[in-house]
Amino acid sequence: MSDPRPTVDRRRVLTGAASVGLALPVLAACADSSPSAGNAATDPGSGTSAPGGGQADGAGASNAALTTKSDVPVGSGTIFRDQQVVVTQPTQGEFKCFSAVCTHQGCIVSSVQQGGIRCECHGSAFSIDDGSVINPPATRPLPPVQITVKGDQIRLA
């Protein structure tokens, strides 16, 4: 009488185990593809992102000031990793805020330079004026985030 259960030979088991072993380092590298250290000049809020991805829309934000106007360079911006937002000043006295989560694959943007909000994960760049894509592979703009500017203080709305 033959056994009706399927059999798996040793070669298949070893091949499967080897495949999983080779895939794990690749998956681990993809899981943490965002840069871990920020540039203090453009990223004073660098640090660990909030668990669960944080809230890029500013919901639940404390009443504390996010930054001051003087901390956001004209023609550039400042990234706040903990709040997952980037505040820009395209022209003197005009402040904008966008989600710092890249719309390509969810990395936190890494710098603001040369008129663009840049993501080092895959090379996407976004306009400091309206968050639109200026360099793919991202195809969707960074969503705007509401802020209030009162005196020298900039707060999430």
Protein backbone atom coordinates (compact mmCIF):
# COMPACT_ATOMS: atom_id res chain seq x y z
CA MET A 1 0.00 0.00 0.00
CA SER A 2 1.42 3.40 -0.98
CA ASP A 3 1.40 6.51 1.23
CA PRO A 4 -1.04 9.15 -0.24
CA ARG A 5 0.79 12.08 1.39
CA PRO A 6 3.09 14.13 -0.86
CA THR A 7 6.77 13.70 -0.20
CA VAL A 8 9.46 16.33 -0.19
CA ASP A 9 13.00 15.24 -0.83
CA ARG A 10 16.05 16.64 0.94
CA ARG A 11 17.17 18.63 -2.13
CA ARG A 12 13.92 20.65 -2.20
CA VAL A 13 14.14 21.38 1.53
CA LEU A 14 17.75 22.59 1.25
CA THR A 15 17.03 24.65 -1.87
CA GLY A 16 14.08 26.34 -0.16
CA ALA A 17 16.10 27.06 2.98
CA ALA A 18 18.94 28.54 0.93
CA SER A 19 16.52 30.78 -0.98
CA VAL A 20 15.07 32.15 2.25
CA GLY A 21 18.56 32.69 3.64
CA LEU A 22 19.56 34.70 0.58
CA ALA A 23 16.37 36.79 0.59
CA LEU A 24 16.54 37.90 4.24
CA PRO A 25 19.44 40.39 3.87
CA VAL A 26 17.73 41.93 0.84
CA LEU A 27 14.44 42.29 2.70
CA ALA A 28 16.21 43.74 5.74
CA ALA A 29 17.93 46.34 3.57
CA CYS A 30 14.61 47.37 2.02
CA ALA A 31 12.88 47.61 5.39
CA ASP A 32 15.15 50.42 6.55
CA SER A 33 16.09 52.23 3.38
CA SER A 34 15.60 55.72 4.79
CA PRO A 35 18.71 57.59 5.91
CA SER A 36 19.18 57.37 9.66
CA ALA A 37 21.08 60.57 10.20
CA GLY A 38 19.95 64.01 9.15
CA ASN A 39 21.87 67.12 8.24
CA ALA A 40 21.66 69.47 11.20
CA ALA A 41 21.64 72.49 8.89
CA THR A 42 18.47 71.37 7.10
CA ASP A 43 17.17 68.79 9.56
CA PRO A 44 17.11 69.95 13.19
CA GLY A 45 14.21 67.60 13.86
CA SER A 46 16.21 64.54 12.87
CA GLY A 47 15.68 61.45 14.91
CA THR A 48 13.45 58.46 15.03
CA SER A 49 10.08 58.69 13.36
CA ALA A 50 7.00 58.22 15.47
CA PRO A 51 5.84 54.61 15.85
CA GLY A 52 3.20 53.65 13.36
CA GLY A 53 4.35 56.17 10.81
CA GLY A 54 3.36 59.32 12.68
CA GLN A 55 0.76 61.78 11.51
CA ALA A 56 1.81 63.81 8.51
CA ASP A 57 -1.39 65.81 8.48
CA GLY A 58 -0.65 67.48 11.81
CA ALA A 59 -3.61 65.84 13.56
CA GLY A 60 -2.98 65.51 17.26
CA ALA A 61 -0.07 67.95 17.08
CA SER A 62 0.78 69.70 20.32
CA ASN A 63 0.36 73.44 20.66
CA ALA A 64 4.15 73.85 20.87
CA ALA A 65 5.90 75.73 18.10
CA LEU A 66 7.37 73.51 15.40
CA THR A 67 10.07 76.06 14.56
CA THR A 68 10.76 79.73 14.11
CA LYS A 69 10.79 81.67 10.85
CA SER A 70 14.51 82.30 11.16
CA ASP A 71 15.19 78.54 11.24
CA VAL A 72 13.75 78.06 7.73
CA PRO A 73 16.17 79.38 5.08
CA VAL A 74 14.77 81.43 2.18
CA GLY A 75 14.74 79.34 -1.00
CA SER A 76 15.12 76.15 1.04
CA GLY A 77 13.49 74.40 3.97
CA THR A 78 13.83 72.38 7.13
CA ILE A 79 12.83 68.73 7.70
CA PHE A 80 11.22 67.66 10.98
CA ARG A 81 11.53 63.86 11.07
CA ASP A 82 9.62 63.32 14.31
CA GLN A 83 6.59 65.19 12.94
CA GLN A 84 7.20 63.83 9.41
CA VAL A 85 6.88 67.27 7.83
CA VAL A 86 9.09 69.66 5.89
CA VAL A 87 8.64 73.44 6.17
CA THR A 88 9.86 75.53 3.23
CA GLN A 89 10.28 79.24 2.54
CA PRO A 90 10.19 79.57 -1.27
CA THR A 91 10.36 83.38 -1.07
CA GLN A 92 11.03 85.75 1.82
CA GLY A 93 8.15 85.54 4.32
CA GLU A 94 6.21 82.79 2.46
CA PHE A 95 6.09 79.53 4.42
CA LYS A 96 4.77 76.19 3.16
CA CYS A 97 4.55 72.80 4.81
CA PHE A 98 4.36 69.35 3.24
CA SER A 99 4.43 65.74 4.35
CA ALA A 100 8.05 64.55 4.57
CA VAL A 101 6.99 61.05 3.49
CA CYS A 102 8.10 60.46 -0.10
CA THR A 103 5.17 59.44 -2.27
CA HIS A 104 7.33 56.92 -4.16
CA GLN A 105 7.93 54.29 -1.46
CA GLY A 106 7.40 56.02 1.87
CA CYS A 107 10.95 57.02 2.85
CA ILE A 108 11.35 60.23 4.82
CA VAL A 109 12.84 62.93 2.59
CA SER A 110 16.48 63.57 3.34
CA SER A 111 17.38 67.15 2.41
CA VAL A 112 16.21 70.45 1.00
CA GLN A 113 18.63 71.87 -1.53
CA GLN A 114 18.77 73.53 -4.94
CA GLY A 115 15.07 74.45 -4.75
CA GLY A 116 13.98 70.87 -4.16
CA ILE A 117 12.93 68.57 -1.36
CA ARG A 118 15.05 65.48 -2.01
CA CYS A 119 14.62 61.82 -1.15
CA GLU A 120 17.86 59.85 -1.22
CA CYS A 121 16.11 56.47 -1.24
CA HIS A 122 15.46 56.49 -4.99
CA GLY A 123 16.26 60.02 -6.20
CA SER A 124 12.84 61.66 -6.17
CA ALA A 125 12.67 65.45 -5.72
CA PHE A 126 9.76 67.78 -5.04
CA SER A 127 9.21 71.53 -5.43
CA ILE A 128 9.65 73.67 -2.30
CA ASP A 129 6.83 75.88 -3.62
CA ASP A 130 3.98 73.40 -4.09
CA GLY A 131 5.32 69.89 -3.37
CA SER A 132 4.99 68.84 -7.03
CA VAL A 133 7.34 66.22 -8.45
CA ILE A 134 10.41 67.74 -10.13
CA ASN A 135 12.38 64.49 -10.42
CA PRO A 136 10.93 60.96 -10.64
CA PRO A 137 10.52 58.10 -9.81
CA ALA A 138 7.80 59.62 -7.59
CA THR A 139 4.69 60.45 -9.62
CA ARG A 140 2.54 62.11 -6.93
CA PRO A 141 3.27 65.40 -5.14
CA LEU A 142 3.98 65.68 -1.43
CA PRO A 143 0.67 66.41 0.31
CA PRO A 144 0.40 69.87 1.90
CA VAL A 145 0.18 70.12 5.69
CA GLN A 146 -1.57 73.05 7.36
CA ILE A 147 0.56 75.37 9.49
CA THR A 148 -0.02 78.64 11.27
CA VAL A 149 2.53 81.44 11.37
CA LYS A 150 2.11 83.89 14.23
CA GLY A 151 4.90 86.29 15.11
CA ASP A 152 8.12 84.33 14.64
CA GLN A 153 6.51 80.98 15.52
CA ILE A 154 5.47 78.29 13.02
CA ARG A 155 3.07 75.66 14.34
CA LEU A 156 1.25 72.70 12.88
CA ALA A 157 -2.42 73.69 12.54
